[in-house]
């Protein structure tokens, strides 16, 4: 009798496990009828990859320590709104030895629009209010910005504005009322 009880318990355990395994497959098939098809090696389908944020490689131009030339530094920025991302990267500055950032702390980019080859960069008031450089500093800031944006083939000139309004100068040394084209004389 003991043999039959053990045998019956073993059969019930096996049947329970078998039923549990079948139940999982049926549940997957009923909640997602094509689940078996998606993961089937016969189909040659692989698991979808996690989307990575799209980036674009760019050249950012930073002034050298002597304030004579702007030097390109390769970087990656978000591809979405790439023009604004490039200007924000310039504002952030660089850790590259012998190069320096030129934008005043707290400067923000309101927007960058590109139309008919001209990029209009709208900055927050800190660009003017907190700028501490002289004529060389203004030239390096403009050269850094213009040469960076004109790396994009669709941009041939750059206009600087503050809070949606044209300004004549950043600190009184350089007329920025008109758009600038690429400044090859500043390139190193």
C-alpha atoms as a PDB file:
ATOM      1  CA  UNK A   1       0.000   0.000   0.000  1.00  0.00           C
ATOM      2  CA  UNK A   2       2.837   2.343   0.811  1.00  0.00           C
ATOM      3  CA  UNK A   3       4.254   1.716  -2.713  1.00  0.00           C
ATOM      4  CA  UNK A   4       0.987   2.786  -4.297  1.00  0.00           C
ATOM      5  CA  UNK A   5       0.787   5.948  -2.180  1.00  0.00           C
ATOM      6  CA  UNK A   6       4.318   6.980  -3.143  1.00  0.00           C
ATOM      7  CA  UNK A   7       3.650   6.181  -6.794  1.00  0.00           C
ATOM      8  CA  UNK A   8       0.388   8.145  -6.724  1.00  0.00           C
ATOM      9  CA  UNK A   9       2.098  11.149  -5.086  1.00  0.00           C
ATOM     10  CA  UNK A  10       4.889  11.059  -7.685  1.00  0.00           C
ATOM     11  CA  UNK A  11       2.334  10.937 -10.508  1.00  0.00           C
ATOM     12  CA  UNK A  12       0.348  13.832  -9.012  1.00  0.00           C
ATOM     13  CA  UNK A  13       3.519  15.910  -8.620  1.00  0.00           C
ATOM     14  CA  UNK A  14       4.555  15.201 -12.217  1.00  0.00           C
ATOM     15  CA  UNK A  15       1.066  16.014 -13.476  1.00  0.00           C
ATOM     16  CA  UNK A  16       1.013  19.272 -11.461  1.00  0.00           C
ATOM     17  CA  UNK A  17       4.381  20.334 -12.898  1.00  0.00           C
ATOM     18  CA  UNK A  18       3.283  19.422 -16.395  1.00  0.00           C
ATOM     19  CA  UNK A  19       0.085  21.411 -16.002  1.00  0.00           C
ATOM     20  CA  UNK A  20       1.952  24.398 -14.601  1.00  0.00           C
ATOM     21  CA  UNK A  21       4.321  24.391 -17.584  1.00  0.00           C
ATOM     22  CA  UNK A  22       1.444  24.181 -20.040  1.00  0.00           C
ATOM     23  CA  UNK A  23      -0.402  26.923 -18.225  1.00  0.00           C
ATOM     24  CA  UNK A  24       2.533  29.352 -18.627  1.00  0.00           C
ATOM     25  CA  UNK A  25       2.678  28.715 -22.380  1.00  0.00           C
ATOM     26  CA  UNK A  26      -1.093  29.136 -22.720  1.00  0.00           C
ATOM     27  CA  UNK A  27      -1.030  32.340 -20.677  1.00  0.00           C
ATOM     28  CA  UNK A  28       1.715  33.801 -22.894  1.00  0.00           C
ATOM     29  CA  UNK A  29      -0.146  32.745 -26.017  1.00  0.00           C
ATOM     30  CA  UNK A  30      -3.446  34.227 -24.874  1.00  0.00           C
ATOM     31  CA  UNK A  31      -2.050  37.521 -23.589  1.00  0.00           C
ATOM     32  CA  UNK A  32       0.245  37.946 -26.578  1.00  0.00           C
ATOM     33  CA  UNK A  33      -0.786  35.559 -29.360  1.00  0.00           C
ATOM     34  CA  UNK A  34       2.331  36.233 -31.410  1.00  0.00           C
ATOM     35  CA  UNK A  35       4.761  35.984 -28.476  1.00  0.00           C
ATOM     36  CA  UNK A  36       5.909  32.567 -29.545  1.00  0.00           C
ATOM     37  CA  UNK A  37       6.375  33.784 -33.105  1.00  0.00           C
ATOM     38  CA  UNK A  38       8.393  36.865 -32.071  1.00  0.00           C
ATOM     39  CA  UNK A  39      10.896  34.914 -30.028  1.00  0.00           C
ATOM     40  CA  UNK A  40      11.102  31.968 -32.367  1.00  0.00           C
ATOM     41  CA  UNK A  41      14.614  31.365 -33.676  1.00  0.00           C
ATOM     42  CA  UNK A  42      13.018  30.123 -36.901  1.00  0.00           C
ATOM     43  CA  UNK A  43      11.783  33.621 -37.637  1.00  0.00           C
ATOM     44  CA  UNK A  44      15.273  35.145 -37.405  1.00  0.00           C
ATOM     45  CA  UNK A  45      13.922  38.003 -35.322  1.00  0.00           C
ATOM     46  CA  UNK A  46      16.043  39.417 -32.543  1.00  0.00           C
ATOM     47  CA  UNK A  47      14.985  41.367 -29.499  1.00  0.00           C
ATOM     48  CA  UNK A  48      14.504  45.052 -30.226  1.00  0.00           C
ATOM     49  CA  UNK A  49      17.459  47.161 -29.112  1.00  0.00           C
ATOM     50  CA  UNK A  50      17.023  50.006 -26.673  1.00  0.00           C
ATOM     51  CA  UNK A  51      16.904  53.309 -28.555  1.00  0.00           C
ATOM     52  CA  UNK A  52      20.048  55.339 -28.050  1.00  0.00           C
ATOM     53  CA  UNK A  53      19.847  59.111 -28.168  1.00  0.00           C
ATOM     54  CA  UNK A  54      20.946  60.244 -31.614  1.00  0.00           C
ATOM     55  CA  UNK A  55      24.074  62.364 -31.659  1.00  0.00           C
ATOM     56  CA  UNK A  56      26.035  64.173 -34.303  1.00  0.00           C
ATOM     57  CA  UNK A  57      29.785  64.782 -34.381  1.00  0.00           C
ATOM     58  CA  UNK A  58      30.710  68.451 -34.635  1.00  0.00           C
ATOM     59  CA  UNK A  59      33.669  70.807 -34.371  1.00  0.00           C
ATOM     60  CA  UNK A  60      33.484  73.398 -31.620  1.00  0.00           C
ATOM     61  CA  UNK A  61      35.880  76.329 -31.916  1.00  0.00           C
ATOM     62  CA  UNK A  62      37.455  77.657 -28.720  1.00  0.00           C
ATOM     63  CA  UNK A  63      39.920  80.531 -28.332  1.00  0.00           C
ATOM     64  CA  UNK A  64      43.554  79.690 -27.625  1.00  0.00           C
ATOM     65  CA  UNK A  65      45.157  81.022 -24.439  1.00  0.00           C
ATOM     66  CA  UNK A  66      46.753  83.936 -26.280  1.00  0.00           C
ATOM     67  CA  UNK A  67      43.407  85.087 -27.706  1.00  0.00           C
ATOM     68  CA  UNK A  68      44.768  85.030 -31.246  1.00  0.00           C
ATOM     69  CA  UNK A  69      43.048  82.084 -32.930  1.00  0.00           C
ATOM     70  CA  UNK A  70      40.134  79.717 -32.477  1.00  0.00           C
ATOM     71  CA  UNK A  71      40.933  76.022 -32.460  1.00  0.00           C
ATOM     72  CA  UNK A  72      38.551  73.179 -33.400  1.00  0.00           C
ATOM     73  CA  UNK A  73      37.687  70.494 -30.861  1.00  0.00           C
ATOM     74  CA  UNK A  74      35.648  67.467 -31.936  1.00  0.00           C
ATOM     75  CA  UNK A  75      32.590  66.757 -29.830  1.00  0.00           C
ATOM     76  CA  UNK A  76      29.258  64.980 -29.984  1.00  0.00           C
ATOM     77  CA  UNK A  77      25.996  66.779 -29.364  1.00  0.00           C
ATOM     78  CA  UNK A  78      22.377  65.728 -29.469  1.00  0.00           C
ATOM     79  CA  UNK A  79      21.121  65.540 -33.033  1.00  0.00           C
ATOM     80  CA  UNK A  80      17.734  66.870 -31.976  1.00  0.00           C
ATOM     81  CA  UNK A  81      17.982  70.673 -32.129  1.00  0.00           C
ATOM     82  CA  UNK A  82      21.673  70.316 -33.044  1.00  0.00           C
ATOM     83  CA  UNK A  83      22.264  74.038 -33.609  1.00  0.00           C
ATOM     84  CA  UNK A  84      21.126  74.949 -30.108  1.00  0.00           C
ATOM     85  CA  UNK A  85      23.050  71.974 -28.679  1.00  0.00           C
ATOM     86  CA  UNK A  86      26.248  73.175 -30.368  1.00  0.00           C
ATOM     87  CA  UNK A  87      25.901  76.696 -28.957  1.00  0.00           C
ATOM     88  CA  UNK A  88      25.129  75.306 -25.495  1.00  0.00           C
ATOM     89  CA  UNK A  89      28.290  73.178 -25.722  1.00  0.00           C
ATOM     90  CA  UNK A  90      30.315  76.296 -26.591  1.00  0.00           C
ATOM     91  CA  UNK A  91      28.864  78.141 -23.621  1.00  0.00           C
ATOM     92  CA  UNK A  92      29.739  75.225 -21.338  1.00  0.00           C
ATOM     93  CA  UNK A  93      33.411  75.556 -22.293  1.00  0.00           C
ATOM     94  CA  UNK A  94      36.198  73.043 -22.723  1.00  0.00           C
ATOM     95  CA  UNK A  95      38.706  71.071 -20.670  1.00  0.00           C
ATOM     96  CA  UNK A  96      41.144  70.917 -23.595  1.00  0.00           C
ATOM     97  CA  UNK A  97      44.578  72.205 -22.510  1.00  0.00           C
ATOM     98  CA  UNK A  98      45.610  75.629 -23.850  1.00  0.00           C
ATOM     99  CA  UNK A  99      42.046  76.489 -24.914  1.00  0.00           C
ATOM    100  CA  UNK A 100      39.502  78.555 -23.051  1.00  0.00           C
ATOM    101  CA  UNK A 101      35.788  79.203 -22.944  1.00  0.00           C
ATOM    102  CA  UNK A 102      34.715  82.774 -23.633  1.00  0.00           C
ATOM    103  CA  UNK A 103      30.989  82.965 -22.894  1.00  0.00           C
ATOM    104  CA  UNK A 104      29.938  84.656 -19.645  1.00  0.00           C
ATOM    105  CA  UNK A 105      28.614  82.438 -16.865  1.00  0.00           C
ATOM    106  CA  UNK A 106      24.855  82.180 -16.813  1.00  0.00           C
ATOM    107  CA  UNK A 107      24.461  82.830 -20.539  1.00  0.00           C
ATOM    108  CA  UNK A 108      21.606  80.798 -22.013  1.00  0.00           C
ATOM    109  CA  UNK A 109      20.492  80.101 -25.560  1.00  0.00           C
ATOM    110  CA  UNK A 110      16.859  81.059 -26.058  1.00  0.00           C
ATOM    111  CA  UNK A 111      16.722  79.601 -29.567  1.00  0.00           C
ATOM    112  CA  UNK A 112      18.651  79.137 -32.784  1.00  0.00           C
ATOM    113  CA  UNK A 113      16.829  79.446 -36.080  1.00  0.00           C
ATOM    114  CA  UNK A 114      18.243  78.816 -39.527  1.00  0.00           C
ATOM    115  CA  UNK A 115      16.686  80.389 -42.575  1.00  0.00           C
ATOM    116  CA  UNK A 116      18.130  81.040 -46.045  1.00  0.00           C
ATOM    117  CA  UNK A 117      21.625  80.099 -44.853  1.00  0.00           C
ATOM    118  CA  UNK A 118      21.617  82.440 -41.859  1.00  0.00           C
ATOM    119  CA  UNK A 119      21.596  81.188 -38.281  1.00  0.00           C
ATOM    120  CA  UNK A 120      20.056  83.628 -35.826  1.00  0.00           C
ATOM    121  CA  UNK A 121      21.221  82.920 -32.296  1.00  0.00           C
ATOM    122  CA  UNK A 122      19.044  84.427 -29.584  1.00  0.00           C
ATOM    123  CA  UNK A 123      20.897  84.676 -26.255  1.00  0.00           C
ATOM    124  CA  UNK A 124      19.760  85.600 -22.760  1.00  0.00           C
ATOM    125  CA  UNK A 125      20.805  89.073 -21.464  1.00  0.00           C
ATOM    126  CA  UNK A 126      23.736  87.569 -19.523  1.00  0.00           C
ATOM    127  CA  UNK A 127      25.711  87.537 -22.791  1.00  0.00           C
ATOM    128  CA  UNK A 128      25.951  91.344 -22.563  1.00  0.00           C
ATOM    129  CA  UNK A 129      25.415  91.968 -18.849  1.00  0.00           C
ATOM    130  CA  UNK A 130      28.140  89.593 -17.625  1.00  0.00           C
ATOM    131  CA  UNK A 131      30.686  89.899 -20.426  1.00  0.00           C
ATOM    132  CA  UNK A 132      34.044  90.994 -18.976  1.00  0.00           C
ATOM    133  CA  UNK A 133      36.335  90.777 -22.009  1.00  0.00           C
ATOM    134  CA  UNK A 134      37.643  93.607 -24.102  1.00  0.00           C
ATOM    135  CA  UNK A 135      37.898  93.904 -27.865  1.00  0.00           C
ATOM    136  CA  UNK A 136      39.882  90.655 -28.155  1.00  0.00           C
ATOM    137  CA  UNK A 137      37.351  88.827 -26.016  1.00  0.00           C
ATOM    138  CA  UNK A 138      34.484  90.029 -28.195  1.00  0.00           C
ATOM    139  CA  UNK A 139      36.322  88.981 -31.336  1.00  0.00           C
ATOM    140  CA  UNK A 140      37.067  85.529 -29.878  1.00  0.00           C
ATOM    141  CA  UNK A 141      33.463  85.027 -28.744  1.00  0.00           C
ATOM    142  CA  UNK A 142      32.059  85.970 -32.146  1.00  0.00           C
ATOM    143  CA  UNK A 143      34.751  83.949 -33.968  1.00  0.00           C
ATOM    144  CA  UNK A 144      34.099  80.923 -31.779  1.00  0.00           C
ATOM    145  CA  UNK A 145      30.349  81.059 -32.390  1.00  0.00           C
ATOM    146  CA  UNK A 146      30.443  81.878 -36.103  1.00  0.00           C
ATOM    147  CA  UNK A 147      33.124  79.361 -37.052  1.00  0.00           C
ATOM    148  CA  UNK A 148      31.367  76.622 -35.081  1.00  0.00           C
ATOM    149  CA  UNK A 149      27.967  77.190 -36.683  1.00  0.00           C
ATOM    150  CA  UNK A 150      29.339  77.628 -40.200  1.00  0.00           C
ATOM    151  CA  UNK A 151      30.792  74.130 -39.954  1.00  0.00           C
ATOM    152  CA  UNK A 152      27.256  73.083 -40.931  1.00  0.00           C
ATOM    153  CA  UNK A 153      27.125  73.383 -44.735  1.00  0.00           C
ATOM    154  CA  UNK A 154      23.623  74.851 -44.634  1.00  0.00           C
ATOM    155  CA  UNK A 155      24.807  77.835 -42.540  1.00  0.00           C
ATOM    156  CA  UNK A 156      26.787  80.594 -44.255  1.00  0.00           C
ATOM    157  CA  UNK A 157      26.254  83.464 -41.796  1.00  0.00           C
ATOM    158  CA  UNK A 158      25.366  84.065 -38.144  1.00  0.00           C
ATOM    159  CA  UNK A 159      23.364  86.872 -36.537  1.00  0.00           C
ATOM    160  CA  UNK A 160      23.571  87.434 -32.775  1.00  0.00           C
ATOM    161  CA  UNK A 161      20.534  88.815 -30.927  1.00  0.00           C
ATOM    162  CA  UNK A 162      19.534  89.098 -27.262  1.00  0.00           C
ATOM    163  CA  UNK A 163      16.005  88.321 -26.041  1.00  0.00           C
ATOM    164  CA  UNK A 164      14.660  88.514 -29.580  1.00  0.00           C
ATOM    165  CA  UNK A 165      16.132  91.950 -30.322  1.00  0.00           C
ATOM    166  CA  UNK A 166      19.074  93.056 -32.440  1.00  0.00           C
ATOM    167  CA  UNK A 167      21.976  94.559 -30.522  1.00  0.00           C
ATOM    168  CA  UNK A 168      24.842  96.686 -31.802  1.00  0.00           C
ATOM    169  CA  UNK A 169      27.641  95.315 -29.647  1.00  0.00           C
ATOM    170  CA  UNK A 170      28.402  92.985 -26.757  1.00  0.00           C
ATOM    171  CA  UNK A 171      30.624  95.376 -24.783  1.00  0.00           C
ATOM    172  CA  UNK A 172      31.280  98.323 -27.082  1.00  0.00           C
ATOM    173  CA  UNK A 173      34.191  97.066 -29.189  1.00  0.00           C
ATOM    174  CA  UNK A 174      32.743  95.078 -32.091  1.00  0.00           C
ATOM    175  CA  UNK A 175      29.726  95.945 -34.245  1.00  0.00           C
ATOM    176  CA  UNK A 176      27.454  92.881 -34.295  1.00  0.00           C
ATOM    177  CA  UNK A 177      24.386  94.554 -35.822  1.00  0.00           C
ATOM    178  CA  UNK A 178      24.907  92.672 -39.111  1.00  0.00           C
ATOM    179  CA  UNK A 179      25.377  88.928 -39.682  1.00  0.00           C
ATOM    180  CA  UNK A 180      28.900  87.488 -39.700  1.00  0.00           C
ATOM    181  CA  UNK A 181      30.301  85.051 -42.249  1.00  0.00           C
ATOM    182  CA  UNK A 182      33.002  82.463 -41.495  1.00  0.00           C
ATOM    183  CA  UNK A 183      36.080  84.095 -40.014  1.00  0.00           C
ATOM    184  CA  UNK A 184      38.896  82.155 -41.640  1.00  0.00           C
ATOM    185  CA  UNK A 185      41.514  84.638 -40.411  1.00  0.00           C
ATOM    186  CA  UNK A 186      40.867  83.406 -36.853  1.00  0.00           C
ATOM    187  CA  UNK A 187      41.275  79.708 -37.662  1.00  0.00           C
ATOM    188  CA  UNK A 188      44.368  77.942 -36.392  1.00  0.00           C
END
